[in-house]
Protein backbone atom coordinates (compact mmCIF):
# COMPACT_ATOMS: atom_id res chain seq x y z
CA MET A 1 -19.43 -22.03 -40.29
CA ALA A 2 -16.01 -22.50 -38.67
CA ASP A 3 -15.24 -26.03 -37.57
CA LYS A 4 -15.09 -25.05 -33.89
CA GLU A 5 -18.63 -23.67 -34.14
CA LYS A 6 -20.17 -26.85 -35.48
CA PRO A 7 -22.66 -28.46 -33.13
CA ARG A 8 -21.33 -31.36 -31.11
CA TYR A 9 -23.49 -33.90 -29.33
CA ALA A 10 -22.98 -36.68 -26.81
CA ILE A 11 -25.17 -39.71 -26.19
CA GLY A 12 -25.68 -41.10 -22.72
CA LEU A 13 -26.98 -44.63 -22.12
CA ASP A 14 -28.39 -45.29 -18.64
CA PHE A 15 -29.10 -48.96 -17.85
CA GLY A 16 -31.38 -49.15 -14.85
CA THR A 17 -33.28 -51.75 -12.88
CA ASN A 18 -36.38 -51.74 -15.08
CA SER A 19 -35.40 -49.89 -18.25
CA VAL A 20 -32.68 -48.28 -20.32
CA ARG A 21 -32.78 -44.56 -21.04
CA THR A 22 -30.97 -42.67 -23.79
CA LEU A 23 -30.23 -38.96 -23.67
CA ILE A 24 -28.66 -36.77 -26.36
CA VAL A 25 -27.06 -33.52 -25.19
CA ASP A 26 -25.57 -30.56 -27.05
CA VAL A 27 -22.13 -30.40 -25.44
CA ARG A 28 -21.79 -26.69 -26.26
CA ASN A 29 -24.48 -25.68 -23.79
CA GLY A 30 -25.80 -28.81 -22.05
CA ASN A 31 -29.20 -28.64 -23.72
CA GLU A 32 -31.11 -31.92 -23.90
CA VAL A 33 -32.20 -32.44 -27.48
CA GLY A 34 -33.45 -36.03 -27.52
CA THR A 35 -34.57 -38.68 -25.05
CA ALA A 36 -36.06 -42.16 -25.17
CA ILE A 37 -36.86 -44.98 -22.77
CA PHE A 38 -37.19 -48.73 -23.25
CA ASN A 39 -38.81 -50.90 -20.58
CA TYR A 40 -37.17 -54.30 -20.34
CA PRO A 41 -39.66 -56.93 -21.56
CA THR A 42 -38.31 -59.95 -19.66
CA GLY A 43 -39.71 -61.01 -16.29
CA ASP A 44 -41.58 -58.77 -13.88
CA ALA A 45 -40.86 -55.14 -14.84
CA GLY A 46 -37.62 -56.33 -16.41
CA ILE A 47 -36.51 -58.49 -13.50
CA ILE A 48 -36.29 -62.29 -13.55
CA LEU A 49 -37.74 -63.49 -10.25
CA ASP A 50 -38.22 -66.80 -8.44
CA PRO A 51 -41.39 -67.14 -6.32
CA LYS A 52 -39.53 -69.71 -4.20
CA ASP A 53 -36.60 -67.40 -3.46
CA PRO A 54 -37.29 -63.72 -2.70
CA ASN A 55 -33.54 -63.02 -2.76
CA LEU A 56 -33.22 -63.79 -6.47
CA ALA A 57 -33.20 -60.93 -9.00
CA ARG A 58 -31.72 -61.39 -12.47
CA GLN A 59 -31.75 -59.50 -15.75
CA ASN A 60 -31.77 -60.66 -19.36
CA PRO A 61 -28.78 -59.20 -21.27
CA ALA A 62 -30.79 -59.50 -24.48
CA ASP A 63 -32.99 -56.70 -23.10
CA TRP A 64 -29.94 -54.45 -22.87
CA ILE A 65 -29.05 -55.06 -26.52
CA GLU A 66 -32.59 -54.46 -27.74
CA GLY A 67 -32.86 -51.39 -25.54
CA ILE A 68 -29.76 -49.80 -27.05
CA GLU A 69 -31.06 -50.05 -30.60
CA VAL A 70 -34.60 -48.92 -29.78
CA THR A 71 -33.72 -45.95 -27.56
CA VAL A 72 -30.82 -44.56 -29.57
CA ARG A 73 -32.83 -44.57 -32.78
CA GLU A 74 -35.82 -42.94 -31.03
CA ALA A 75 -33.63 -40.34 -29.33
CA VAL A 76 -31.88 -39.51 -32.61
CA ALA A 77 -35.26 -39.04 -34.28
CA ALA A 78 -36.44 -36.84 -31.41
CA ALA A 79 -33.28 -34.75 -31.58
CA GLY A 80 -33.78 -34.17 -35.29
CA LYS A 81 -37.23 -32.74 -34.59
CA LYS A 82 -36.25 -30.60 -31.61
CA ASP A 83 -32.90 -29.20 -32.78
CA ARG A 84 -32.58 -27.89 -36.33
CA GLU A 85 -28.81 -28.16 -36.17
CA PHE A 86 -28.77 -31.77 -35.11
CA VAL A 87 -27.43 -34.39 -37.48
CA PRO A 88 -26.29 -37.89 -36.46
CA GLU A 89 -22.84 -37.08 -37.83
CA GLY A 90 -22.51 -34.48 -35.06
CA VAL A 91 -22.40 -37.13 -32.32
CA ILE A 92 -18.84 -37.25 -30.99
CA GLY A 93 -19.09 -39.56 -28.00
CA ILE A 94 -21.15 -42.18 -26.16
CA GLY A 95 -21.17 -42.65 -22.40
CA VAL A 96 -22.52 -45.61 -20.45
CA ASP A 97 -23.70 -45.99 -16.88
CA THR A 98 -25.34 -49.04 -15.36
CA THR A 99 -26.52 -50.60 -12.13
CA GLY A 100 -24.01 -52.57 -10.13
CA SER A 101 -22.81 -54.89 -9.12
CA THR A 102 -24.57 -56.66 -12.00
CA PRO A 103 -22.15 -59.37 -13.16
CA LEU A 104 -22.80 -61.58 -16.17
CA PRO A 105 -21.28 -65.03 -16.93
CA VAL A 106 -19.68 -65.12 -20.40
CA ASP A 107 -17.80 -67.59 -22.58
CA ARG A 108 -14.23 -67.23 -23.88
CA ALA A 109 -15.35 -64.80 -26.59
CA GLY A 110 -17.32 -62.67 -24.13
CA LYS A 111 -20.70 -63.92 -25.29
CA PRO A 112 -23.29 -64.12 -22.47
CA LEU A 113 -24.22 -67.68 -21.58
CA ALA A 114 -27.85 -66.54 -21.59
CA PHE A 115 -27.63 -66.18 -25.38
CA TYR A 116 -27.20 -69.93 -25.77
CA LYS A 117 -30.33 -72.05 -26.10
CA GLU A 118 -29.26 -74.45 -23.36
CA PHE A 119 -28.97 -71.63 -20.82
CA ARG A 120 -31.78 -69.35 -21.94
CA LYS A 121 -34.16 -70.48 -19.19
CA ASP A 122 -31.53 -70.74 -16.45
CA PRO A 123 -31.62 -67.59 -14.26
CA ASN A 124 -28.06 -68.29 -13.13
CA ALA A 125 -26.84 -67.81 -16.70
CA HIS A 126 -28.34 -64.32 -16.89
CA ALA A 127 -27.04 -61.14 -15.30
CA TRP A 128 -27.15 -61.12 -11.52
CA LEU A 129 -28.91 -57.82 -10.90
CA TRP A 130 -27.49 -55.47 -8.27
CA LYS A 131 -30.30 -56.23 -5.83
CA ASP A 132 -29.90 -60.01 -6.00
CA HIS A 133 -29.22 -61.18 -2.43
CA THR A 134 -28.90 -64.92 -2.97
CA GLY A 135 -25.24 -64.70 -1.96
CA HIS A 136 -25.88 -63.40 1.55
CA ARG A 137 -24.20 -66.39 3.22
CA GLU A 138 -21.24 -66.08 0.89
CA ALA A 139 -20.97 -62.39 1.72
CA ALA A 140 -20.75 -63.25 5.41
CA GLU A 141 -17.99 -65.79 4.66
CA ILE A 142 -16.03 -63.26 2.63
CA THR A 143 -16.35 -60.68 5.40
CA ALA A 144 -15.23 -63.13 8.08
CA LEU A 145 -12.22 -64.37 6.09
CA ALA A 146 -11.13 -60.86 5.13
CA ALA A 147 -11.47 -59.64 8.72
CA GLY A 148 -9.06 -62.34 9.85
CA GLU A 149 -6.56 -62.35 6.99
CA HIS A 150 -6.90 -59.15 4.97
CA PRO A 151 -8.60 -56.40 6.99
CA GLU A 152 -7.31 -53.89 4.47
CA TYR A 153 -9.82 -55.26 1.95
CA LEU A 154 -12.72 -54.38 4.25
CA ALA A 155 -11.27 -51.03 5.32
CA LYS A 156 -11.88 -49.65 1.83
CA CYS A 157 -15.48 -50.88 1.64
CA GLY A 158 -16.82 -49.83 5.00
CA GLY A 159 -16.00 -52.93 7.04
CA THR A 160 -18.51 -55.39 5.55
CA TYR A 161 -18.69 -57.12 2.17
CA SER A 162 -22.20 -57.12 0.70
CA SER A 163 -24.34 -59.82 -0.87
CA GLU A 164 -25.03 -57.31 -3.66
CA TRP A 165 -21.41 -57.33 -4.76
CA PHE A 166 -19.31 -59.17 -7.30
CA TRP A 167 -17.60 -61.98 -5.36
CA SER A 168 -20.65 -62.95 -3.28
CA LYS A 169 -22.71 -63.57 -6.39
CA ILE A 170 -20.06 -65.53 -8.25
CA LEU A 171 -19.24 -67.66 -5.22
CA HIS A 172 -22.92 -68.48 -4.83
CA ALA A 173 -23.15 -69.38 -8.52
CA LEU A 174 -20.20 -71.75 -8.17
CA ARG A 175 -21.98 -73.56 -5.38
CA VAL A 176 -25.50 -73.79 -6.78
CA ASP A 177 -25.02 -74.23 -10.54
CA PRO A 178 -22.07 -76.40 -11.63
CA LYS A 179 -23.18 -76.29 -15.27
CA VAL A 180 -23.14 -72.49 -15.50
CA SER A 181 -19.95 -72.32 -13.47
CA ALA A 182 -18.18 -74.74 -15.78
CA ALA A 183 -19.35 -72.93 -18.92
CA ALA A 184 -18.44 -69.45 -17.67
CA PHE A 185 -14.94 -68.54 -18.81
CA SER A 186 -15.24 -65.22 -17.02
CA TRP A 187 -17.70 -62.80 -15.43
CA VAL A 188 -18.28 -59.29 -16.74
CA GLU A 189 -20.07 -56.36 -15.12
CA CYS A 190 -22.90 -54.79 -17.09
CA ALA A 191 -20.85 -51.57 -17.02
CA ASP A 192 -18.07 -53.42 -18.86
CA TYR A 193 -20.22 -55.51 -21.17
CA ILE A 194 -22.12 -52.64 -22.84
CA PRO A 195 -19.08 -50.58 -23.99
CA ALA A 196 -17.35 -53.79 -25.08
CA ALA A 197 -20.35 -54.86 -27.15
CA LEU A 198 -20.61 -51.46 -28.85
CA THR A 199 -16.91 -51.38 -29.68
CA GLY A 200 -16.33 -55.02 -30.60
CA THR A 201 -13.88 -55.52 -27.75
CA SER A 202 -15.67 -58.32 -25.91
CA ASP A 203 -12.67 -60.57 -25.17
CA PRO A 204 -12.86 -60.89 -21.37
CA LEU A 205 -9.08 -60.85 -21.04
CA THR A 206 -8.55 -57.62 -22.98
CA MET A 207 -11.72 -55.53 -22.60
CA LYS A 208 -11.26 -52.37 -20.56
CA ARG A 209 -12.80 -52.95 -17.15
CA SER A 210 -14.41 -50.17 -15.12
CA ARG A 211 -12.43 -48.77 -12.19
CA CYS A 212 -15.74 -47.78 -10.63
CA ALA A 213 -17.20 -51.29 -10.73
CA ALA A 214 -13.99 -53.07 -9.78
CA GLY A 215 -13.09 -50.77 -6.91
CA HIS A 216 -16.48 -50.47 -5.25
CA LYS A 217 -17.75 -54.03 -5.74
CA ALA A 218 -14.80 -56.38 -6.38
CA MET A 219 -12.30 -55.07 -3.77
CA PHE A 220 -9.88 -53.97 -6.52
CA ASN A 221 -7.13 -51.67 -5.31
CA ASP A 222 -3.64 -51.04 -6.68
CA ALA A 223 -2.34 -50.92 -3.09
CA TRP A 224 -2.60 -54.71 -2.86
CA GLY A 225 -2.01 -55.58 -6.50
CA GLY A 226 -5.53 -55.17 -7.88
CA LEU A 227 -8.06 -57.89 -7.12
CA PRO A 228 -7.97 -59.81 -3.82
CA ALA A 229 -5.10 -62.31 -3.59
CA ARG A 230 -5.51 -65.63 -5.37
CA ASP A 231 -4.90 -67.64 -2.21
CA PHE A 232 -7.51 -65.60 -0.34
CA LEU A 233 -10.14 -66.35 -2.98
CA ALA A 234 -9.08 -70.00 -3.15
CA LYS A 235 -9.78 -70.42 0.56
CA LEU A 236 -13.39 -69.48 -0.17
CA ASP A 237 -13.48 -71.90 -3.12
CA PRO A 238 -10.55 -73.16 -5.24
CA ARG A 239 -12.53 -72.32 -8.39
CA LEU A 240 -12.79 -68.71 -7.27
CA GLY A 241 -9.01 -68.52 -7.04
CA GLU A 242 -8.72 -69.99 -10.53
CA LEU A 243 -11.25 -67.48 -11.88
CA ARG A 244 -9.06 -64.57 -10.76
CA ASP A 245 -6.63 -65.39 -13.59
CA ARG A 246 -9.46 -65.02 -16.12
CA LEU A 247 -10.65 -61.60 -14.92
CA TYR A 248 -8.41 -58.52 -15.15
CA LYS A 249 -5.28 -56.89 -13.77
CA LYS A 250 -5.93 -53.30 -14.82
CA THR A 251 -8.94 -50.99 -14.62
CA TYR A 252 -9.87 -47.72 -16.31
CA THR A 253 -11.69 -44.53 -15.40
CA ALA A 254 -14.68 -43.25 -17.34
CA ASP A 255 -12.70 -40.50 -19.10
CA ILE A 256 -10.91 -43.22 -21.10
CA ALA A 257 -12.33 -44.61 -24.34
CA ALA A 258 -13.20 -48.32 -24.29
CA GLY A 259 -13.00 -48.24 -28.08
CA THR A 260 -14.94 -46.87 -31.03
CA LEU A 261 -18.40 -47.68 -32.35
CA THR A 262 -18.29 -50.59 -34.80
CA LYS A 263 -19.69 -50.41 -38.33
CA ASP A 264 -22.40 -52.93 -37.47
CA TRP A 265 -23.58 -50.97 -34.45
CA ALA A 266 -23.34 -47.68 -36.32
CA LYS A 267 -25.68 -49.06 -38.98
CA LYS A 268 -28.15 -50.33 -36.37
CA LEU A 269 -28.21 -47.01 -34.54
CA GLY A 270 -28.16 -44.65 -37.50
CA LEU A 271 -24.83 -43.16 -36.44
CA ARG A 272 -21.40 -42.94 -38.01
CA PRO A 273 -18.79 -45.59 -37.15
CA GLY A 274 -15.75 -44.61 -35.15
CA ILE A 275 -17.50 -42.61 -32.42
CA GLN A 276 -15.61 -42.95 -29.15
CA VAL A 277 -17.37 -44.99 -26.46
CA ALA A 278 -16.28 -44.32 -22.90
CA VAL A 279 -15.41 -46.93 -20.31
CA GLY A 280 -18.53 -47.60 -18.26
CA ALA A 281 -19.29 -46.67 -14.66
CA PHE A 282 -22.16 -46.95 -12.20
CA ASP A 283 -25.27 -44.80 -12.46
CA ALA A 284 -24.94 -42.97 -9.14
CA HIS A 285 -21.30 -42.12 -9.69
CA LEU A 286 -21.86 -40.60 -13.13
CA GLY A 287 -25.05 -39.01 -11.84
CA ALA A 288 -22.87 -37.21 -9.30
CA VAL A 289 -20.69 -35.93 -12.13
CA GLY A 290 -23.77 -34.53 -13.84
CA ALA A 291 -24.78 -32.87 -10.58
CA GLY A 292 -21.43 -31.09 -10.35
CA VAL A 293 -19.80 -33.11 -7.56
CA ASP A 294 -16.60 -31.55 -6.27
CA THR A 295 -14.57 -31.33 -3.10
CA GLY A 296 -16.97 -30.11 -0.45
CA ARG A 297 -20.06 -30.76 -2.58
CA PHE A 298 -22.11 -33.77 -1.44
CA VAL A 299 -24.50 -35.33 -3.95
CA LYS A 300 -27.48 -37.48 -2.97
CA ILE A 301 -29.10 -39.54 -5.72
CA ILE A 302 -32.59 -40.90 -5.08
CA GLY A 303 -33.72 -43.62 -7.45
CA THR A 304 -34.43 -47.29 -6.81
CA SER A 305 -31.88 -46.80 -4.04
CA THR A 306 -30.44 -43.75 -2.33
CA CYS A 307 -26.76 -43.24 -3.09
CA ASP A 308 -24.56 -40.65 -1.44
CA ILE A 309 -21.50 -39.59 -3.43
CA CYS A 310 -18.65 -37.23 -2.69
CA VAL A 311 -15.02 -36.88 -3.78
CA TRP A 312 -11.68 -36.07 -2.22
CA PRO A 313 -8.39 -35.18 -3.95
CA ALA A 314 -6.37 -38.37 -4.36
CA ALA A 315 -3.19 -36.52 -3.47
CA LYS A 316 -4.54 -35.65 -0.01
CA ARG A 317 -4.65 -38.10 2.88
CA LEU A 318 -8.05 -39.56 3.70
CA PRO A 319 -8.64 -41.99 6.59
CA ASP A 320 -10.72 -45.12 6.06
CA ILE A 321 -14.37 -44.53 6.92
CA PRO A 322 -16.54 -47.30 8.41
CA GLY A 323 -19.90 -47.87 6.75
CA LEU A 324 -19.05 -46.69 3.25
CA CYS A 325 -19.54 -48.71 0.07
CA GLY A 326 -16.06 -47.98 -1.15
CA ILE A 327 -13.25 -45.45 -1.32
CA VAL A 328 -11.97 -45.75 -4.88
CA ASP A 329 -9.42 -43.68 -6.78
CA GLY A 330 -11.04 -42.36 -9.97
CA SER A 331 -14.45 -44.00 -9.57
CA VAL A 332 -16.23 -40.65 -9.95
CA LEU A 333 -13.67 -38.12 -11.21
CA PRO A 334 -10.11 -38.76 -12.40
CA GLY A 335 -7.61 -37.61 -9.78
CA TYR A 336 -10.12 -37.87 -6.95
CA LEU A 337 -11.11 -40.57 -4.51
CA GLY A 338 -14.77 -41.47 -4.99
CA LEU A 339 -16.73 -42.13 -1.79
CA GLU A 340 -20.04 -43.98 -1.94
CA ALA A 341 -22.63 -44.64 0.74
CA GLY A 342 -26.41 -44.93 0.94
CA GLN A 343 -29.20 -47.44 1.30
CA SER A 344 -30.37 -50.03 -1.22
CA ALA A 345 -33.93 -50.27 -2.49
CA VAL A 346 -35.38 -47.28 -0.71
CA GLY A 347 -36.13 -44.99 -3.64
CA VAL A 348 -39.63 -43.78 -4.54
CA PRO A 349 -40.74 -46.89 -6.50
CA SER A 350 -39.31 -49.20 -3.84
CA ALA A 351 -40.89 -47.22 -1.04
CA ALA A 352 -44.21 -47.31 -2.83
CA ASN A 353 -44.00 -51.08 -3.20
CA TRP A 354 -42.93 -51.39 0.45
CA HIS A 355 -45.97 -49.46 1.62
CA GLY A 356 -48.33 -51.41 -0.63
CA ILE A 357 -49.23 -48.81 -3.22
CA ALA A 358 -50.63 -50.35 -6.40
CA LEU A 359 -48.48 -48.75 -9.11
CA ALA A 360 -49.82 -51.06 -11.77
CA GLY A 361 -52.36 -53.79 -12.17
CA ALA A 362 -54.66 -52.32 -9.53
CA GLU A 363 -57.60 -53.73 -11.40
CA SER A 364 -56.38 -57.30 -10.90
CA GLU A 365 -58.00 -59.41 -8.23
CA PRO A 366 -55.63 -60.83 -5.57
CA ALA A 367 -56.65 -64.35 -6.60
CA ALA A 368 -55.14 -63.70 -10.04
CA ALA A 369 -51.63 -63.44 -8.57
CA PRO A 370 -49.42 -66.48 -9.23
CA ALA A 371 -48.77 -68.90 -6.41
CA GLY A 372 -46.07 -67.65 -4.08
CA ALA A 373 -46.29 -64.05 -5.30
CA VAL A 374 -46.50 -61.19 -2.83
CA THR A 375 -49.55 -58.96 -3.24
CA ARG A 376 -48.22 -55.42 -3.07
CA ASP A 377 -51.45 -53.55 -2.35
CA VAL A 378 -51.48 -54.64 1.28
CA LEU A 379 -53.15 -51.44 2.50
CA GLY A 380 -55.93 -51.56 -0.06
CA TYR A 381 -54.88 -48.14 -1.31
CA ASP A 382 -55.97 -47.45 -4.87
CA ASP A 383 -55.89 -44.00 -6.45
CA PRO A 384 -55.93 -43.82 -10.26
CA THR A 385 -54.48 -40.30 -10.06
CA VAL A 386 -51.45 -41.49 -8.11
CA ASP A 387 -51.04 -44.52 -10.37
CA GLY A 388 -51.07 -42.27 -13.42
CA LEU A 389 -48.54 -39.88 -11.90
CA PHE A 390 -46.16 -42.74 -11.09
CA THR A 391 -46.44 -44.04 -14.64
CA GLN A 392 -45.75 -40.57 -16.01
CA ALA A 393 -42.82 -39.98 -13.66
CA GLN A 394 -41.15 -43.29 -14.52
CA SER A 395 -40.84 -42.24 -18.15
CA GLU A 396 -40.00 -38.57 -17.54
CA LEU A 397 -36.35 -37.77 -18.23
CA ASN A 398 -36.50 -34.03 -17.52
CA ALA A 399 -35.23 -33.59 -13.96
CA LYS A 400 -37.42 -30.60 -13.09
CA ALA A 401 -40.56 -32.18 -14.50
CA ASP A 402 -39.74 -35.45 -12.77
CA ALA A 403 -39.27 -33.73 -9.41
CA SER A 404 -42.54 -31.89 -9.85
CA LEU A 405 -44.42 -35.12 -10.48
CA TYR A 406 -42.97 -36.83 -7.42
CA ASN A 407 -43.73 -33.78 -5.27
CA GLU A 408 -47.33 -34.03 -6.42
CA ILE A 409 -47.35 -37.76 -5.61
CA ASP A 410 -45.83 -37.09 -2.21
CA THR A 411 -48.52 -34.55 -1.38
CA LEU A 412 -51.31 -36.96 -2.36
CA LEU A 413 -49.80 -39.81 -0.37
CA TRP A 414 -49.52 -37.72 2.76
CA GLN A 415 -53.15 -36.70 2.37
CA ASN A 416 -54.51 -40.18 1.69
CA LEU A 417 -52.33 -42.86 3.26
CA PRO A 418 -52.61 -44.03 6.85
CA THR A 419 -49.84 -42.51 8.95
CA LEU A 420 -47.41 -44.44 11.11
CA PRO A 421 -46.05 -42.76 14.27
CA LEU A 422 -42.27 -42.75 14.03
CA PHE A 423 -41.82 -41.37 17.55
CA GLN A 424 -43.77 -40.99 20.74
CA ALA A 425 -44.67 -37.52 21.88
CA SER A 426 -42.89 -36.36 24.97
CA THR A 427 -44.56 -37.40 28.22
CA THR A 428 -45.14 -35.18 31.18
CA LEU A 429 -43.58 -36.75 34.22
CA VAL A 430 -44.72 -35.68 37.66
CA ARG A 431 -42.36 -36.68 40.42
CA ARG A 432 -41.23 -35.61 43.83
CA VAL A 433 -38.24 -33.32 43.88
CA GLU A 434 -36.38 -35.81 46.01
CA VAL A 435 -36.44 -38.44 43.23
CA VAL A 436 -33.32 -38.21 41.04
CA ASN A 437 -31.94 -39.99 37.93
CA VAL A 438 -35.36 -40.11 36.23
CA SER A 439 -36.20 -37.93 33.23
CA GLU A 440 -38.78 -37.56 30.47
CA SER A 441 -38.32 -39.63 27.32
CA ALA A 442 -39.90 -39.35 23.87
CA THR A 443 -39.60 -43.07 23.19
CA TRP A 444 -41.97 -46.02 23.09
CA ALA A 445 -40.45 -47.23 26.34
CA GLY A 446 -41.54 -44.12 28.26
CA PRO A 447 -39.76 -42.49 31.19
CA SER A 448 -38.35 -45.77 32.47
CA SER A 449 -36.00 -45.96 29.49
CA ARG A 450 -34.26 -42.85 30.81
CA THR A 451 -33.94 -44.20 34.30
CA GLY A 452 -30.50 -44.62 35.74
CA ASN A 453 -30.38 -45.90 39.29
CA PRO A 454 -33.35 -43.87 40.54
CA ARG A 455 -33.26 -42.97 44.19
CA ILE A 456 -34.69 -40.60 46.76
CA THR A 457 -32.33 -38.01 48.16
C-alpha cells in the first residue's frame, strides 16, 4: 500500500459540563470509528456545588485527567473492533475543545492547586466552571470601569462583561480566598491546560494559550496590545494588575500545535509518542467548524447552552455588534473573525431541569434531598420512558441518533407536560367608529396596551 493511501485518524477530546467525550475519525472520509464517554465522578453530575450559594459551580481537574485516559483507551478499543484498518499508530493528531470560560488556579509549574492536599476540599482551588456566577458583582464593576475608560474593550464583547468570564472569576477569587489567591502563580483556561498536560508544556509563562479563550473571555485583542492594560486591571484590584504579568502576551489559533504527545501520556493512552496536539478552543467554536461554518453560513449549537457562531473574513471591515459574546480574529477559523452569541444554560438538559423533569433519581423521596438543595421535580412529572431516553441521549455521540432521541423526548413532553400560554389570543374589540387611537392587542394587557390618546372624533 502506498504511503499516501495508509489510513490516518484524528482523536477529538470534548470536555463538557458533566463529562468528557472522545471521538476517533478517519480523516480520509470523516467516518467515526470509535467513541467513548466518561462522566465526571466529583460533585453533582460532575459539578462542585454549594447549597449556600446557587451561583457557585466548580469542576475537579482530576476528573479531566482521569477522563482522558479512560475515554481514549475505550475509543481506541472500539475503533479496533469497528475498523479493520485501524491501528493506534495511524493516529496523526489530537484536538481539544472545552467549556469556557473555565479558568483554573495553578502554581509556578502549572500544577493545579486542587492537586495539593491542603486545597483539595477548597472549591476556589478547583476550576471555575463556565456557568459559575459568583463574580456577578465583579462583572458589573469591570463593565462600569471599561465603559468609562476603555469602551473599546466592551465594543468587542457586545457591550457588557459577563460573570461567566475570566476576569470576573479571578477578581472574585482574589477577594474571597486570600490563601488560594496567594498560592496561585497564574490562572489557566481548561482549553489551555489539557493540551499543555498532554504535551508536557505546562509552564504558565510559555504554554500556548488559546486565541479563542483569550479573545472571547479575557478581552484579549492585538489592537490594544493583548490583554487589558495593567493600570486598568490594577484599578479593579492591584493584585489583578500584578497577575497580568504572569499570564500571556501571545495567543494561538487551533490550527497550531501546542506540542506533541509525551512518552508518559502515550503509554497511558496506548498511542505512539510524538503525535501533534492542537492548541485548544471552546466547544461551540470547534463545533461550528465541524458543521461547516463559512461566510454566510450561520451555525447554532444546542447543548447545555445555545451558542450561535458565524465567521467573517478578517480582511473585510466589520462593525462592532452590540450583544455579542466576542468578535475575535481566528477564534473559529484562521483568517476569519469569529462571532459568538447565544444564551447560557438553556439547552435540553437545562430546560428539563428548569421545568422540573426528573432526569435521574425520580425514585428518591423529597425528604431525602440534602438541606438547602433544590428539588427539581417541581411539577411532579415522572415518566420512566422519558427518563430512559434522556439517559440514552446523554451518552449518544452519533448526531443523527442523538437528534432522533431528543425529537422523541420532545414529542412526549408536549403530550404529557402542562402547557404554559406564551401569548394571549387576539381579542375582538367592539367600538364606535368615532373612537380612534384604540386597536386590538394580543398581549396580557389587552386592548388598553395599544391605546394612544384615545378620543372621539
